[in-house]
Amino acid sequence: MSSLSDKQVDMQLDELAGWQRDGSSITKTYHFNDFIEAMSFMNQAAFYAEALEHHPQWRNMYNIVEVRLTSEDTGGITSRDIRLAKRMEHIIQPSRL
C-alpha cells in the first residue's frame, strides 16, 4: 500500500468534518458527554481498527478522545487511515442526533 498524494488527502479531508492534516498524519479531537460515551466510541472503533489491522494512536482524558492516524509502514497517510477516520465518523453519528 502506498501513501496518498497531498491532493488525494485534501479531497478526502473535505468530506471528514473536523479532521486535519498534521505532517504525515490526520488528527481529530472528539468531545463526548461523559467517560462512558468516550470509551464506547473507542471500543467500537477498536473492533474496526483490528479488522483493518490498522491501529490508531489515541489518548483518552475523561470525555475527550484525541486521535492520530498514520501509516508508519509507508511514512504517510493511506487509504486505511481514511477508512478508519470515516468509520469513526460513522460511529459518532447516532450520538449526534
PDB file of N, CA and C in Angstrom:
ATOM      1  N   MET A   1       0.849  -1.167   0.000  1.00  0.00           N
ATOM      2  CA  MET A   1       0.000   0.000   0.000  1.00  0.00           C
ATOM      3  C   MET A   1       0.899   1.235   0.000  1.00  0.00           C
ATOM      4  N   SER A   2       0.532   2.223  -0.792  1.00  0.00           N
ATOM      5  CA  SER A   2       1.335   3.440  -0.857  1.00  0.00           C
ATOM      6  C   SER A   2       0.587   4.622  -0.243  1.00  0.00           C
ATOM      7  N   SER A   3       1.337   5.631   0.110  1.00  0.00           N
ATOM      8  CA  SER A   3       0.746   6.840   0.686  1.00  0.00           C
ATOM      9  C   SER A   3      -0.067   7.569  -0.375  1.00  0.00           C
ATOM     10  N   LEU A   4      -1.094   8.273   0.092  1.00  0.00           N
ATOM     11  CA  LEU A   4      -1.895   9.104  -0.796  1.00  0.00           C
ATOM     12  C   LEU A   4      -1.135  10.393  -1.096  1.00  0.00           C
ATOM     13  N   SER A   5      -1.413  10.982  -2.243  1.00  0.00           N
ATOM     14  CA  SER A   5      -0.812  12.274  -2.577  1.00  0.00           C
ATOM     15  C   SER A   5      -1.456  13.362  -1.718  1.00  0.00           C
ATOM     16  N   ASP A   6      -0.814  14.512  -1.637  1.00  0.00           N
ATOM     17  CA  ASP A   6      -1.382  15.632  -0.877  1.00  0.00           C
ATOM     18  C   ASP A   6      -2.769  15.986  -1.393  1.00  0.00           C
ATOM     19  N   LYS A   7      -2.943  15.994  -2.706  1.00  0.00           N
ATOM     20  CA  LYS A   7      -4.243  16.315  -3.300  1.00  0.00           C
ATOM     21  C   LYS A   7      -5.297  15.281  -2.902  1.00  0.00           C
ATOM     22  N   GLN A   8      -4.939  14.006  -2.937  1.00  0.00           N
ATOM     23  CA  GLN A   8      -5.881  12.954  -2.542  1.00  0.00           C
ATOM     24  C   GLN A   8      -6.281  13.100  -1.073  1.00  0.00           C
ATOM     25  N   VAL A   9      -5.312  13.386  -0.211  1.00  0.00           N
ATOM     26  CA  VAL A   9      -5.613  13.570   1.215  1.00  0.00           C
ATOM     27  C   VAL A   9      -6.536  14.765   1.393  1.00  0.00           C
ATOM     28  N   ASP A  10      -6.227  15.878   0.738  1.00  0.00           N
ATOM     29  CA  ASP A  10      -7.057  17.079   0.860  1.00  0.00           C
ATOM     30  C   ASP A  10      -8.487  16.819   0.413  1.00  0.00           C
ATOM     31  N   MET A  11      -8.663  16.081  -0.667  1.00  0.00           N
ATOM     32  CA  MET A  11     -10.007  15.756  -1.154  1.00  0.00           C
ATOM     33  C   MET A  11     -10.766  14.927  -0.125  1.00  0.00           C
ATOM     34  N   GLN A  12     -10.098  13.972   0.488  1.00  0.00           N
ATOM     35  CA  GLN A  12     -10.740  13.137   1.494  1.00  0.00           C
ATOM     36  C   GLN A  12     -11.076  13.944   2.750  1.00  0.00           C
ATOM     37  N   LEU A  13     -10.185  14.831   3.157  1.00  0.00           N
ATOM     38  CA  LEU A  13     -10.418  15.623   4.363  1.00  0.00           C
ATOM     39  C   LEU A  13     -11.574  16.597   4.178  1.00  0.00           C
ATOM     40  N   ASP A  14     -11.851  16.992   2.942  1.00  0.00           N
ATOM     41  CA  ASP A  14     -13.013  17.848   2.673  1.00  0.00           C
ATOM     42  C   ASP A  14     -14.311  17.174   3.108  1.00  0.00           C
ATOM     43  N   GLU A  15     -14.318  15.848   3.115  1.00  0.00           N
ATOM     44  CA  GLU A  15     -15.509  15.081   3.479  1.00  0.00           C
ATOM     45  C   GLU A  15     -15.493  14.608   4.928  1.00  0.00           C
ATOM     46  N   LEU A  16     -14.451  14.939   5.671  1.00  0.00           N
ATOM     47  CA  LEU A  16     -14.310  14.481   7.054  1.00  0.00           C
ATOM     48  C   LEU A  16     -14.257  15.689   7.986  1.00  0.00           C
ATOM     49  N   ALA A  17     -15.421  16.107   8.455  1.00  0.00           N
ATOM     50  CA  ALA A  17     -15.529  17.305   9.290  1.00  0.00           C
ATOM     51  C   ALA A  17     -14.649  17.202  10.529  1.00  0.00           C
ATOM     52  N   GLY A  18     -13.842  18.220  10.744  1.00  0.00           N
ATOM     53  CA  GLY A  18     -13.022  18.289  11.945  1.00  0.00           C
ATOM     54  C   GLY A  18     -11.675  17.599  11.856  1.00  0.00           C
ATOM     55  N   TRP A  19     -11.463  16.804  10.827  1.00  0.00           N
ATOM     56  CA  TRP A  19     -10.175  16.139  10.644  1.00  0.00           C
ATOM     57  C   TRP A  19      -9.231  17.097   9.954  1.00  0.00           C
ATOM     58  N   GLN A  20      -7.966  17.051  10.362  1.00  0.00           N
ATOM     59  CA  GLN A  20      -6.971  17.903   9.728  1.00  0.00           C
ATOM     60  C   GLN A  20      -5.656  17.158   9.581  1.00  0.00           C
ATOM     61  N   ARG A  21      -4.867  17.626   8.651  1.00  0.00           N
ATOM     62  CA  ARG A  21      -3.551  17.040   8.426  1.00  0.00           C
ATOM     63  C   ARG A  21      -2.565  17.633   9.431  1.00  0.00           C
ATOM     64  N   ASP A  22      -1.716  16.776   9.967  1.00  0.00           N
ATOM     65  CA  ASP A  22      -0.625  17.209  10.848  1.00  0.00           C
ATOM     66  C   ASP A  22       0.609  16.424  10.419  1.00  0.00           C
ATOM     67  N   GLY A  23       1.364  16.986   9.499  1.00  0.00           N
ATOM     68  CA  GLY A  23       2.519  16.278   8.956  1.00  0.00           C
ATOM     69  C   GLY A  23       2.085  15.067   8.158  1.00  0.00           C
ATOM     70  N   SER A  24       2.557  13.901   8.547  1.00  0.00           N
ATOM     71  CA  SER A  24       2.209  12.670   7.835  1.00  0.00           C
ATOM     72  C   SER A  24       1.079  11.921   8.528  1.00  0.00           C
ATOM     73  N   SER A  25       0.242  12.671   9.261  1.00  0.00           N
ATOM     74  CA  SER A  25      -0.895  12.087   9.980  1.00  0.00           C
ATOM     75  C   SER A  25      -2.147  12.923   9.732  1.00  0.00           C
ATOM     76  N   ILE A  26      -3.292  12.335  10.056  1.00  0.00           N
ATOM     77  CA  ILE A  26      -4.525  13.103  10.154  1.00  0.00           C
ATOM     78  C   ILE A  26      -4.996  12.996  11.600  1.00  0.00           C
ATOM     79  N   THR A  27      -5.576  14.070  12.113  1.00  0.00           N
ATOM     80  CA  THR A  27      -5.939  14.119  13.526  1.00  0.00           C
ATOM     81  C   THR A  27      -7.335  14.697  13.721  1.00  0.00           C
ATOM     82  N   LYS A  28      -7.915  14.320  14.851  1.00  0.00           N
ATOM     83  CA  LYS A  28      -9.189  14.905  15.275  1.00  0.00           C
ATOM     84  C   LYS A  28      -9.325  14.701  16.774  1.00  0.00           C
ATOM     85  N   THR A  29      -9.969  15.664  17.421  1.00  0.00           N
ATOM     86  CA  THR A  29     -10.310  15.546  18.832  1.00  0.00           C
ATOM     87  C   THR A  29     -11.820  15.461  18.950  1.00  0.00           C
ATOM     88  N   TYR A  30     -12.285  14.409  19.600  1.00  0.00           N
ATOM     89  CA  TYR A  30     -13.718  14.201  19.838  1.00  0.00           C
ATOM     90  C   TYR A  30     -14.049  14.573  21.276  1.00  0.00           C
ATOM     91  N   HIS A  31     -15.202  15.207  21.451  1.00  0.00           N
ATOM     92  CA  HIS A  31     -15.706  15.561  22.786  1.00  0.00           C
ATOM     93  C   HIS A  31     -17.029  14.830  22.995  1.00  0.00           C
ATOM     94  N   PHE A  32     -17.126  14.103  24.088  1.00  0.00           N
ATOM     95  CA  PHE A  32     -18.320  13.336  24.400  1.00  0.00           C
ATOM     96  C   PHE A  32     -18.966  13.863  25.674  1.00  0.00           C
ATOM     97  N   ASN A  33     -20.149  13.366  25.975  1.00  0.00           N
ATOM     98  CA  ASN A  33     -20.868  13.817  27.164  1.00  0.00           C
ATOM     99  C   ASN A  33     -20.218  13.355  28.458  1.00  0.00           C
ATOM    100  N   ASP A  34     -19.611  12.164  28.415  1.00  0.00           N
ATOM    101  CA  ASP A  34     -19.009  11.618  29.630  1.00  0.00           C
ATOM    102  C   ASP A  34     -18.001  10.537  29.263  1.00  0.00           C
ATOM    103  N   PHE A  35     -17.379   9.981  30.276  1.00  0.00           N
ATOM    104  CA  PHE A  35     -16.353   8.965  30.102  1.00  0.00           C
ATOM    105  C   PHE A  35     -16.907   7.711  29.426  1.00  0.00           C
ATOM    106  N   ILE A  36     -18.084   7.273  29.823  1.00  0.00           N
ATOM    107  CA  ILE A  36     -18.670   6.055  29.256  1.00  0.00           C
ATOM    108  C   ILE A  36     -18.902   6.208  27.756  1.00  0.00           C
ATOM    109  N   GLU A  37     -19.397   7.358  27.333  1.00  0.00           N
ATOM    110  CA  GLU A  37     -19.618   7.593  25.911  1.00  0.00           C
ATOM    111  C   GLU A  37     -18.288   7.595  25.151  1.00  0.00           C
ATOM    112  N   ALA A  38     -17.267   8.202  25.729  1.00  0.00           N
ATOM    113  CA  ALA A  38     -15.944   8.221  25.099  1.00  0.00           C
ATOM    114  C   ALA A  38     -15.386   6.808  24.964  1.00  0.00           C
ATOM    115  N   MET A  39     -15.511   6.011  26.013  1.00  0.00           N
ATOM    116  CA  MET A  39     -14.987   4.642  25.975  1.00  0.00           C
ATOM    117  C   MET A  39     -15.786   3.769  25.015  1.00  0.00           C
ATOM    118  N   SER A  40     -17.081   3.996  24.932  1.00  0.00           N
ATOM    119  CA  SER A  40     -17.902   3.249  23.982  1.00  0.00           C
ATOM    120  C   SER A  40     -17.431   3.514  22.550  1.00  0.00           C
ATOM    121  N   PHE A  41     -17.179   4.780  22.250  1.00  0.00           N
ATOM    122  CA  PHE A  41     -16.652   5.147  20.934  1.00  0.00           C
ATOM    123  C   PHE A  41     -15.336   4.429  20.669  1.00  0.00           C
ATOM    124  N   MET A  42     -14.434   4.463  21.638  1.00  0.00           N
ATOM    125  CA  MET A  42     -13.118   3.838  21.454  1.00  0.00           C
ATOM    126  C   MET A  42     -13.252   2.328  21.248  1.00  0.00           C
ATOM    127  N   ASN A  43     -14.132   1.701  22.001  1.00  0.00           N
ATOM    128  CA  ASN A  43     -14.313   0.258  21.852  1.00  0.00           C
ATOM    129  C   ASN A  43     -14.851  -0.097  20.472  1.00  0.00           C
ATOM    130  N   GLN A  44     -15.842   0.655  19.998  1.00  0.00           N
ATOM    131  CA  GLN A  44     -16.391   0.386  18.669  1.00  0.00           C
ATOM    132  C   GLN A  44     -15.331   0.608  17.589  1.00  0.00           C
ATOM    133  N   ALA A  45     -14.574   1.688  17.711  1.00  0.00           N
ATOM    134  CA  ALA A  45     -13.527   1.975  16.734  1.00  0.00           C
ATOM    135  C   ALA A  45     -12.435   0.912  16.781  1.00  0.00           C
ATOM    136  N   ALA A  46     -12.152   0.391  17.970  1.00  0.00           N
ATOM    137  CA  ALA A  46     -11.095  -0.613  18.126  1.00  0.00           C
ATOM    138  C   ALA A  46     -11.416  -1.892  17.351  1.00  0.00           C
ATOM    139  N   PHE A  47     -12.678  -2.311  17.333  1.00  0.00           N
ATOM    140  CA  PHE A  47     -13.045  -3.515  16.597  1.00  0.00           C
ATOM    141  C   PHE A  47     -12.812  -3.327  15.099  1.00  0.00           C
ATOM    142  N   TYR A  48     -13.165  -2.158  14.579  1.00  0.00           N
ATOM    143  CA  TYR A  48     -12.947  -1.901  13.157  1.00  0.00           C
ATOM    144  C   TYR A  48     -11.452  -1.786  12.856  1.00  0.00           C
ATOM    145  N   ALA A  49     -10.722  -1.107  13.721  1.00  0.00           N
ATOM    146  CA  ALA A  49      -9.272  -0.969  13.539  1.00  0.00           C
ATOM    147  C   ALA A  49      -8.608  -2.342  13.504  1.00  0.00           C
ATOM    148  N   GLU A  50      -9.030  -3.219  14.380  1.00  0.00           N
ATOM    149  CA  GLU A  50      -8.460  -4.569  14.420  1.00  0.00           C
ATOM    150  C   GLU A  50      -8.760  -5.311  13.121  1.00  0.00           C
ATOM    151  N   ALA A  51      -9.978  -5.161  12.595  1.00  0.00           N
ATOM    152  CA  ALA A  51     -10.339  -5.810  11.338  1.00  0.00           C
ATOM    153  C   ALA A  51      -9.483  -5.281  10.179  1.00  0.00           C
ATOM    154  N   LEU A  52      -9.137  -3.996  10.228  1.00  0.00           N
ATOM    155  CA  LEU A  52      -8.272  -3.402   9.207  1.00  0.00           C
ATOM    156  C   LEU A  52      -6.796  -3.720   9.432  1.00  0.00           C
ATOM    157  N   GLU A  53      -6.480  -4.243  10.616  1.00  0.00           N
ATOM    158  CA  GLU A  53      -5.097  -4.411  11.050  1.00  0.00           C
ATOM    159  C   GLU A  53      -4.359  -3.073  10.973  1.00  0.00           C
ATOM    160  N   HIS A  54      -5.052  -2.045  11.448  1.00  0.00           N
ATOM    161  CA  HIS A  54      -4.529  -0.683  11.396  1.00  0.00           C
ATOM    162  C   HIS A  54      -4.967   0.036  12.669  1.00  0.00           C
ATOM    163  N   HIS A  55      -4.043   0.318  13.539  1.00  0.00           N
ATOM    164  CA  HIS A  55      -4.399   0.778  14.878  1.00  0.00           C
ATOM    165  C   HIS A  55      -4.059   2.245  15.078  1.00  0.00           C
ATOM    166  N   PRO A  56      -5.020   2.994  15.639  1.00  0.00           N
ATOM    167  CA  PRO A  56      -4.801   4.430  15.830  1.00  0.00           C
ATOM    168  C   PRO A  56      -3.853   4.716  16.984  1.00  0.00           C
ATOM    169  N   GLN A  57      -3.284   5.890  16.926  1.00  0.00           N
ATOM    170  CA  GLN A  57      -2.626   6.457  18.100  1.00  0.00           C
ATOM    171  C   GLN A  57      -3.710   7.338  18.715  1.00  0.00           C
ATOM    172  N   TRP A  58      -4.067   7.060  19.949  1.00  0.00           N
ATOM    173  CA  TRP A  58      -5.121   7.864  20.558  1.00  0.00           C
ATOM    174  C   TRP A  58      -4.934   7.983  22.044  1.00  0.00           C
ATOM    175  N   ARG A  59      -5.615   8.982  22.585  1.00  0.00           N
ATOM    176  CA  ARG A  59      -5.498   9.261  24.010  1.00  0.00           C
ATOM    177  C   ARG A  59      -6.869   9.668  24.516  1.00  0.00           C
ATOM    178  N   ASN A  60      -7.214   9.169  25.685  1.00  0.00           N
ATOM    179  CA  ASN A  60      -8.498   9.484  26.316  1.00  0.00           C
ATOM    180  C   ASN A  60      -8.252  10.230  27.620  1.00  0.00           C
ATOM    181  N   MET A  61      -8.960  11.340  27.782  1.00  0.00           N
ATOM    182  CA  MET A  61      -8.951  12.101  29.032  1.00  0.00           C
ATOM    183  C   MET A  61     -10.405  12.379  29.383  1.00  0.00           C
ATOM    184  N   TYR A  62     -10.966  11.559  30.245  1.00  0.00           N
ATOM    185  CA  TYR A  62     -12.360  11.594  30.665  1.00  0.00           C
ATOM    186  C   TYR A  62     -13.302  11.553  29.460  1.00  0.00           C
ATOM    187  N   ASN A  63     -13.807  12.709  28.993  1.00  0.00           N
ATOM    188  CA  ASN A  63     -14.780  12.701  27.892  1.00  0.00           C
ATOM    189  C   ASN A  63     -14.166  13.156  26.561  1.00  0.00           C
ATOM    190  N   ILE A  64     -12.854  13.227  26.492  1.00  0.00           N
ATOM    191  CA  ILE A  64     -12.162  13.678  25.286  1.00  0.00           C
ATOM    192  C   ILE A  64     -11.304  12.539  24.737  1.00  0.00           C
ATOM    193  N   VAL A  65     -11.400  12.342  23.417  1.00  0.00           N
ATOM    194  CA  VAL A  65     -10.569  11.344  22.737  1.00  0.00           C
ATOM    195  C   VAL A  65      -9.817  12.054  21.624  1.00  0.00           C
ATOM    196  N   GLU A  66      -8.498  12.042  21.708  1.00  0.00           N
ATOM    197  CA  GLU A  66      -7.640  12.601  20.669  1.00  0.00           C
ATOM    198  C   GLU A  66      -7.152  11.454  19.792  1.00  0.00           C
ATOM    199  N   VAL A  67      -7.332  11.597  18.483  1.00  0.00           N
ATOM    200  CA  VAL A  67      -6.982  10.538  17.536  1.00  0.00           C
ATOM    201  C   VAL A  67      -5.943  11.044  16.546  1.00  0.00           C
ATOM    202  N   ARG A  68      -4.946  10.207  16.284  1.00  0.00           N
ATOM    203  CA  ARG A  68      -3.939  10.475  15.248  1.00  0.00           C
ATOM    204  C   ARG A  68      -3.827   9.207  14.405  1.00  0.00           C
ATOM    205  N   LEU A  69      -4.026   9.359  13.096  1.00  0.00           N
ATOM    206  CA  LEU A  69      -3.934   8.226  12.182  1.00  0.00           C
ATOM    207  C   LEU A  69      -2.803   8.457  11.193  1.00  0.00           C
ATOM    208  N   THR A  70      -1.961   7.463  11.042  1.00  0.00           N
ATOM    209  CA  THR A  70      -0.876   7.479  10.072  1.00  0.00           C
ATOM    210  C   THR A  70      -0.517   6.038   9.741  1.00  0.00           C
ATOM    211  N   SER A  71       0.094   5.853   8.615  1.00  0.00           N
ATOM    212  CA  SER A  71       0.551   4.518   8.221  1.00  0.00           C
ATOM    213  C   SER A  71       2.063   4.514   8.280  1.00  0.00           C
ATOM    214  N   GLU A  72       2.591   4.065   9.388  1.00  0.00           N
ATOM    215  CA  GLU A  72       4.040   4.110   9.607  1.00  0.00           C
ATOM    216  C   GLU A  72       4.811   3.279   8.592  1.00  0.00           C
ATOM    217  N   ASP A  73       4.177   2.226   8.060  1.00  0.00           N
ATOM    218  CA  ASP A  73       4.875   1.389   7.089  1.00  0.00           C
ATOM    219  C   ASP A  73       5.132   2.126   5.772  1.00  0.00           C
ATOM    220  N   THR A  74       4.339   3.162   5.469  1.00  0.00           N
ATOM    221  CA  THR A  74       4.567   3.940   4.244  1.00  0.00           C
ATOM    222  C   THR A  74       5.124   5.327   4.550  1.00  0.00           C
ATOM    223  N   GLY A  75       5.087   5.712   5.818  1.00  0.00           N
ATOM    224  CA  GLY A  75       5.569   7.039   6.198  1.00  0.00           C
ATOM    225  C   GLY A  75       4.604   8.156   5.838  1.00  0.00           C
ATOM    226  N   GLY A  76       3.352   7.803   5.636  1.00  0.00           N
ATOM    227  CA  GLY A  76       2.377   8.828   5.247  1.00  0.00           C
ATOM    228  C   GLY A  76       0.955   8.393   5.519  1.00  0.00           C
ATOM    229  N   ILE A  77       0.036   9.060   4.870  1.00  0.00           N
ATOM    230  CA  ILE A  77      -1.402   8.811   5.026  1.00  0.00           C
ATOM    231  C   ILE A  77      -1.844   7.906   3.883  1.00  0.00           C
ATOM    232  N   THR A  78      -2.539   6.823   4.234  1.00  0.00           N
ATOM    233  CA  THR A  78      -3.004   5.870   3.229  1.00  0.00           C
ATOM    234  C   THR A  78      -4.528   5.754   3.286  1.00  0.00           C
ATOM    235  N   SER A  79      -5.051   4.950   2.384  1.00  0.00           N
ATOM    236  CA  SER A  79      -6.499   4.728   2.346  1.00  0.00           C
ATOM    237  C   SER A  79      -6.991   4.058   3.631  1.00  0.00           C
ATOM    238  N   ARG A  80      -6.125   3.315   4.318  1.00  0.00           N
ATOM    239  CA  ARG A  80      -6.538   2.713   5.599  1.00  0.00           C
ATOM    240  C   ARG A  80      -6.821   3.790   6.640  1.00  0.00           C
ATOM    241  N   ASP A  81      -6.016   4.838   6.651  1.00  0.00           N
ATOM    242  CA  ASP A  81      -6.250   5.942   7.582  1.00  0.00           C
ATOM    243  C   ASP A  81      -7.584   6.606   7.283  1.00  0.00           C
ATOM    244  N   ILE A  82      -7.855   6.821   6.018  1.00  0.00           N
ATOM    245  CA  ILE A  82      -9.113   7.464   5.616  1.00  0.00           C
ATOM    246  C   ILE A  82     -10.301   6.570   5.957  1.00  0.00           C
ATOM    247  N   ARG A  83     -10.188   5.280   5.682  1.00  0.00           N
ATOM    248  CA  ARG A  83     -11.289   4.358   6.003  1.00  0.00           C
ATOM    249  C   ARG A  83     -11.565   4.329   7.498  1.00  0.00           C
ATOM    250  N   LEU A  84     -10.520   4.320   8.305  1.00  0.00           N
ATOM    251  CA  LEU A  84     -10.724   4.303   9.753  1.00  0.00           C
ATOM    252  C   LEU A  84     -11.332   5.623  10.226  1.00  0.00           C
ATOM    253  N   ALA A  85     -10.894   6.742   9.685  1.00  0.00           N
ATOM    254  CA  ALA A  85     -11.480   8.037  10.044  1.00  0.00           C
ATOM    255  C   ALA A  85     -12.964   8.078   9.666  1.00  0.00           C
ATOM    256  N   LYS A  86     -13.307   7.573   8.493  1.00  0.00           N
ATOM    257  CA  LYS A  86     -14.712   7.552   8.064  1.00  0.00           C
ATOM    258  C   LYS A  86     -15.547   6.663   8.980  1.00  0.00           C
ATOM    259  N   ARG A  87     -14.991   5.544   9.406  1.00  0.00           N
ATOM    260  CA  ARG A  87     -15.725   4.665  10.322  1.00  0.00           C
ATOM    261  C   ARG A  87     -15.937   5.355  11.663  1.00  0.00           C
ATOM    262  N   MET A  88     -14.937   6.067  12.144  1.00  0.00           N
ATOM    263  CA  MET A  88     -15.087   6.805  13.400  1.00  0.00           C
ATOM    264  C   MET A  88     -16.205   7.835  13.278  1.00  0.00           C
ATOM    265  N   GLU A  89     -16.280   8.502  12.146  1.00  0.00           N
ATOM    266  CA  GLU A  89     -17.359   9.471  11.931  1.00  0.00           C
ATOM    267  C   GLU A  89     -18.714   8.765  11.898  1.00  0.00           C
ATOM    268  N   HIS A  90     -18.753   7.606  11.299  1.00  0.00           N
ATOM    269  CA  HIS A  90     -19.988   6.822  11.259  1.00  0.00           C
ATOM    270  C   HIS A  90     -20.416   6.406  12.675  1.00  0.00           C
ATOM    271  N   ILE A  91     -19.464   6.034  13.502  1.00  0.00           N
ATOM    272  CA  ILE A  91     -19.766   5.606  14.879  1.00  0.00           C
ATOM    273  C   ILE A  91     -20.409   6.740  15.667  1.00  0.00           C
ATOM    274  N   ILE A  92     -19.937   7.955  15.509  1.00  0.00           N
ATOM    275  CA  ILE A  92     -20.473   9.050  16.324  1.00  0.00           C
ATOM    276  C   ILE A  92     -21.805   9.599  15.817  1.00  0.00           C
ATOM    277  N   GLN A  93     -22.190   9.307  14.606  1.00  0.00           N
ATOM    278  CA  GLN A  93     -23.406   9.892  14.053  1.00  0.00           C
ATOM    279  C   GLN A  93     -24.659   9.683  14.899  1.00  0.00           C
ATOM    280  N   PRO A  94     -24.967   8.474  15.359  1.00  0.00           N
ATOM    281  CA  PRO A  94     -26.192   8.307  16.173  1.00  0.00           C
ATOM    282  C   PRO A  94     -26.175   9.166  17.432  1.00  0.00           C
ATOM    283  N   SER A  95     -25.010   9.368  18.046  1.00  0.00           N
ATOM    284  CA  SER A  95     -24.945  10.127  19.289  1.00  0.00           C
ATOM    285  C   SER A  95     -25.068  11.623  19.044  1.00  0.00           C
ATOM    286  N   ARG A  96     -24.953  12.051  17.804  1.00  0.00           N
ATOM    287  CA  ARG A  96     -25.032  13.489  17.484  1.00  0.00           C
ATOM    288  C   ARG A  96     -26.441  13.912  17.093  1.00  0.00           C
ATOM    289  N   LEU A  97     -27.373  12.965  16.968  1.00  0.00           N
ATOM    290  CA  LEU A  97     -28.748  13.296  16.572  1.00  0.00           C
ATOM    291  C   LEU A  97     -29.562  13.847  17.711  1.00  0.00           C
TER     292      LEU A  97
END
